[in-house]
Amino acid sequence: MTYFSNDAWWWPFFFILIAGWLATDAWRYLGVYLGGRIRDDSEMLVLVRAIATALVAAVIGNLILFPSGELASTPAALRIGAAVAGFAAYHIARKTVIVGIIVAEAILLAGLYAL
């Protein structure tokens, strides 16, 4: 059975639903099954957490240093300053992520409004 084996209007939607479910949910169930057996301080989980954190940091750095769209028209100092202020607010607020995000966005929007 292939994508082109049926001409019904609903076939592409059904195919995407089944293919998407098979591609993602099987791994999710396996992760839940195996995740209950892994200790939080195991070396493998620490490695996975470090890689995930590094990927997020790389994406944020890419957005700050090489922006696209409307963000590209903002000065680099404003983008860097907003990120630094958001990071400082995150630490001052006892590592509350939403506070860091709101402060960084507020500074960025205020800087854009002032330009």
C-alpha atoms as a PDB file:
ATOM      1  CA  MET A   1       0.000   0.000   0.000  1.00  0.00           C
ATOM      2  CA  THR A   2       1.424   3.375  -1.051  1.00  0.00           C
ATOM      3  CA  TYR A   3       0.325   6.985  -0.950  1.00  0.00           C
ATOM      4  CA  PHE A   4      -0.837   6.820  -4.587  1.00  0.00           C
ATOM      5  CA  SER A   5      -2.754   3.532  -4.264  1.00  0.00           C
ATOM      6  CA  ASN A   6      -6.097   5.155  -3.409  1.00  0.00           C
ATOM      7  CA  ASP A   7      -7.898   8.078  -5.087  1.00  0.00           C
ATOM      8  CA  ALA A   8     -10.384   8.865  -2.302  1.00  0.00           C
ATOM      9  CA  TRP A   9     -10.416  12.448  -0.972  1.00  0.00           C
ATOM     10  CA  TRP A  10      -9.768  11.273   2.578  1.00  0.00           C
ATOM     11  CA  TRP A  11      -6.801   9.066   1.700  1.00  0.00           C
ATOM     12  CA  PRO A  12      -4.023  11.705   2.059  1.00  0.00           C
ATOM     13  CA  PHE A  13      -5.339  12.684   5.488  1.00  0.00           C
ATOM     14  CA  PHE A  14      -5.569   9.072   6.612  1.00  0.00           C
ATOM     15  CA  PHE A  15      -2.099   8.322   5.253  1.00  0.00           C
ATOM     16  CA  ILE A  16      -0.587  11.305   7.072  1.00  0.00           C
ATOM     17  CA  LEU A  17      -2.399  10.358  10.274  1.00  0.00           C
ATOM     18  CA  ILE A  18      -1.169   6.765  10.221  1.00  0.00           C
ATOM     19  CA  ALA A  19       2.358   7.587   9.015  1.00  0.00           C
ATOM     20  CA  GLY A  20       2.672  10.375  11.586  1.00  0.00           C
ATOM     21  CA  TRP A  21       1.414   8.165  14.377  1.00  0.00           C
ATOM     22  CA  LEU A  22       3.760   5.318  13.517  1.00  0.00           C
ATOM     23  CA  ALA A  23       6.737   7.633  13.213  1.00  0.00           C
ATOM     24  CA  THR A  24       6.258   9.408  16.536  1.00  0.00           C
ATOM     25  CA  ASP A  25       4.109   7.498  18.996  1.00  0.00           C
ATOM     26  CA  ALA A  26       6.066   4.266  18.872  1.00  0.00           C
ATOM     27  CA  TRP A  27       9.145   6.187  20.052  1.00  0.00           C
ATOM     28  CA  ARG A  28       7.128   8.004  22.706  1.00  0.00           C
ATOM     29  CA  TYR A  29       5.829   4.748  24.156  1.00  0.00           C
ATOM     30  CA  LEU A  30       9.319   3.293  24.117  1.00  0.00           C
ATOM     31  CA  GLY A  31      10.615   6.425  25.862  1.00  0.00           C
ATOM     32  CA  VAL A  32       7.977   6.183  28.572  1.00  0.00           C
ATOM     33  CA  TYR A  33       8.675   2.496  29.046  1.00  0.00           C
ATOM     34  CA  LEU A  34      12.427   2.909  29.262  1.00  0.00           C
ATOM     35  CA  GLY A  35      12.294   6.294  31.015  1.00  0.00           C
ATOM     36  CA  GLY A  36      10.831   4.811  34.150  1.00  0.00           C
ATOM     37  CA  ARG A  37      13.905   2.626  34.536  1.00  0.00           C
ATOM     38  CA  ILE A  38      16.535   5.378  34.144  1.00  0.00           C
ATOM     39  CA  ARG A  39      17.840   7.199  37.192  1.00  0.00           C
ATOM     40  CA  ASP A  40      17.777  11.004  37.056  1.00  0.00           C
ATOM     41  CA  ASP A  41      21.492  11.210  37.752  1.00  0.00           C
ATOM     42  CA  SER A  42      22.604   8.534  35.293  1.00  0.00           C
ATOM     43  CA  GLU A  43      25.433   9.468  32.932  1.00  0.00           C
ATOM     44  CA  MET A  44      23.312   8.863  29.834  1.00  0.00           C
ATOM     45  CA  LEU A  45      20.523  11.166  30.993  1.00  0.00           C
ATOM     46  CA  VAL A  46      23.018  13.857  31.994  1.00  0.00           C
ATOM     47  CA  LEU A  47      24.532  13.630  28.499  1.00  0.00           C
ATOM     48  CA  VAL A  48      21.120  13.878  26.818  1.00  0.00           C
ATOM     49  CA  ARG A  49      20.192  16.862  28.984  1.00  0.00           C
ATOM     50  CA  ALA A  50      23.520  18.581  28.181  1.00  0.00           C
ATOM     51  CA  ILE A  51      23.049  18.056  24.439  1.00  0.00           C
ATOM     52  CA  ALA A  52      19.483  19.374  24.563  1.00  0.00           C
ATOM     53  CA  THR A  53      20.607  22.455  26.507  1.00  0.00           C
ATOM     54  CA  ALA A  54      23.443  23.076  24.057  1.00  0.00           C
ATOM     55  CA  LEU A  55      21.043  22.875  21.108  1.00  0.00           C
ATOM     56  CA  VAL A  56      18.680  25.410  22.697  1.00  0.00           C
ATOM     57  CA  ALA A  57      21.615  27.724  23.465  1.00  0.00           C
ATOM     58  CA  ALA A  58      22.810  27.424  19.858  1.00  0.00           C
ATOM     59  CA  VAL A  59      19.387  28.342  18.495  1.00  0.00           C
ATOM     60  CA  ILE A  60      19.163  31.365  20.805  1.00  0.00           C
ATOM     61  CA  GLY A  61      22.677  32.449  19.866  1.00  0.00           C
ATOM     62  CA  ASN A  62      21.839  32.081  16.195  1.00  0.00           C
ATOM     63  CA  LEU A  63      18.730  34.232  16.635  1.00  0.00           C
ATOM     64  CA  ILE A  64      20.731  36.926  18.425  1.00  0.00           C
ATOM     65  CA  LEU A  65      23.792  37.030  16.169  1.00  0.00           C
ATOM     66  CA  PHE A  66      22.259  36.115  12.793  1.00  0.00           C
ATOM     67  CA  PRO A  67      18.599  37.177  12.939  1.00  0.00           C
ATOM     68  CA  SER A  68      16.145  37.069  10.079  1.00  0.00           C
ATOM     69  CA  GLY A  69      12.939  38.916   9.304  1.00  0.00           C
ATOM     70  CA  GLU A  70      12.023  41.961  11.372  1.00  0.00           C
ATOM     71  CA  LEU A  71      14.575  41.078  14.025  1.00  0.00           C
ATOM     72  CA  ALA A  72      17.372  41.621  11.493  1.00  0.00           C
ATOM     73  CA  SER A  73      16.551  45.336  11.373  1.00  0.00           C
ATOM     74  CA  THR A  74      17.243  45.771  15.093  1.00  0.00           C
ATOM     75  CA  PRO A  75      20.685  46.761  16.361  1.00  0.00           C
ATOM     76  CA  ALA A  76      22.853  43.934  17.657  1.00  0.00           C
ATOM     77  CA  ALA A  77      23.379  45.820  20.929  1.00  0.00           C
ATOM     78  CA  LEU A  78      19.611  45.802  21.564  1.00  0.00           C
ATOM     79  CA  ARG A  79      19.332  42.066  20.936  1.00  0.00           C
ATOM     80  CA  ILE A  80      22.336  41.260  23.118  1.00  0.00           C
ATOM     81  CA  GLY A  81      21.208  43.676  25.847  1.00  0.00           C
ATOM     82  CA  ALA A  82      17.722  42.171  25.936  1.00  0.00           C
ATOM     83  CA  ALA A  83      19.191  38.666  26.220  1.00  0.00           C
ATOM     84  CA  VAL A  84      21.570  39.708  29.012  1.00  0.00           C
ATOM     85  CA  ALA A  85      18.788  41.499  30.908  1.00  0.00           C
ATOM     86  CA  GLY A  86      16.477  38.502  30.523  1.00  0.00           C
ATOM     87  CA  PHE A  87      19.199  36.193  31.802  1.00  0.00           C
ATOM     88  CA  ALA A  88      19.842  38.468  34.788  1.00  0.00           C
ATOM     89  CA  ALA A  89      16.114  38.663  35.563  1.00  0.00           C
ATOM     90  CA  TYR A  90      15.917  34.870  35.354  1.00  0.00           C
ATOM     91  CA  HIS A  91      18.595  34.561  38.053  1.00  0.00           C
ATOM     92  CA  ILE A  92      17.199  37.363  40.213  1.00  0.00           C
ATOM     93  CA  ALA A  93      13.747  35.738  40.125  1.00  0.00           C
ATOM     94  CA  ARG A  94      15.196  32.461  41.470  1.00  0.00           C
ATOM     95  CA  LYS A  95      15.439  30.784  38.059  1.00  0.00           C
ATOM     96  CA  THR A  96      11.881  31.458  36.949  1.00  0.00           C
ATOM     97  CA  VAL A  97      11.908  31.062  33.169  1.00  0.00           C
ATOM     98  CA  ILE A  98       8.807  33.133  32.436  1.00  0.00           C
ATOM     99  CA  VAL A  99      10.291  36.166  34.218  1.00  0.00           C
ATOM    100  CA  GLY A 100      13.421  36.026  32.056  1.00  0.00           C
ATOM    101  CA  ILE A 101      11.358  35.735  28.887  1.00  0.00           C
ATOM    102  CA  ILE A 102       9.033  38.605  29.792  1.00  0.00           C
ATOM    103  CA  VAL A 103      11.899  40.937  30.745  1.00  0.00           C
ATOM    104  CA  ALA A 104      13.869  40.163  27.575  1.00  0.00           C
ATOM    105  CA  GLU A 105      10.799  40.649  25.375  1.00  0.00           C
ATOM    106  CA  ALA A 106       9.827  43.872  27.153  1.00  0.00           C
ATOM    107  CA  ILE A 107      13.297  45.342  26.634  1.00  0.00           C
ATOM    108  CA  LEU A 108      13.352  44.246  23.007  1.00  0.00           C
ATOM    109  CA  LEU A 109       9.899  45.728  22.332  1.00  0.00           C
ATOM    110  CA  ALA A 110      10.740  48.952  24.182  1.00  0.00           C
ATOM    111  CA  GLY A 111      13.925  49.253  22.138  1.00  0.00           C
ATOM    112  CA  LEU A 112      12.018  48.684  18.923  1.00  0.00           C
ATOM    113  CA  TYR A 113       9.436  51.289  19.918  1.00  0.00           C
ATOM    114  CA  ALA A 114      12.191  53.801  20.758  1.00  0.00           C
ATOM    115  CA  LEU A 115      13.835  53.381  17.352  1.00  0.00           C
END
